[in-house]
């Protein structure tokens, strides 16, 4: 499920089935590493699009959370809110290592998409999504 009007109108009634929330966390900084950050944002968007297609009806993907200077306090607050709402698993999806209390974390590899042929890029993004999918399934089986 996506964070849109239609999907969110169903979420309360489906919370026992939609038990996982994914919080994509990305860095933004126009002065430092802007192109690297833009590349990572593009990667994140591709991965969450494919992930949602694979697990539609089983997870909610929240909007991208933008982080400046590694301040993740608002991510922790939102994660706590999602748990209170009824999500059994709240997973932070990120390219950069994070230390976020009480939330499960999946780190994507940074992939230089801007220099790749489209078919190679699609293959690597799909591999990355598959790795994320496997980790989510591990969380479910714990």
Foldseek 3Di string as FASTA:
>chain_A
DEPDDVVVVCCLVLCVQAQEEEAEEFEDDPPPPHVLRVQQVVLVVLLVVVLCVVQPSHHYYYDHHYDYPLPCPVVLVVQVVSVVSPRPAYEYEYQDDHDHPPHHYDHFDRDRLVPDDPVVSNVNSVVRSVVVVVVVVVVVVD
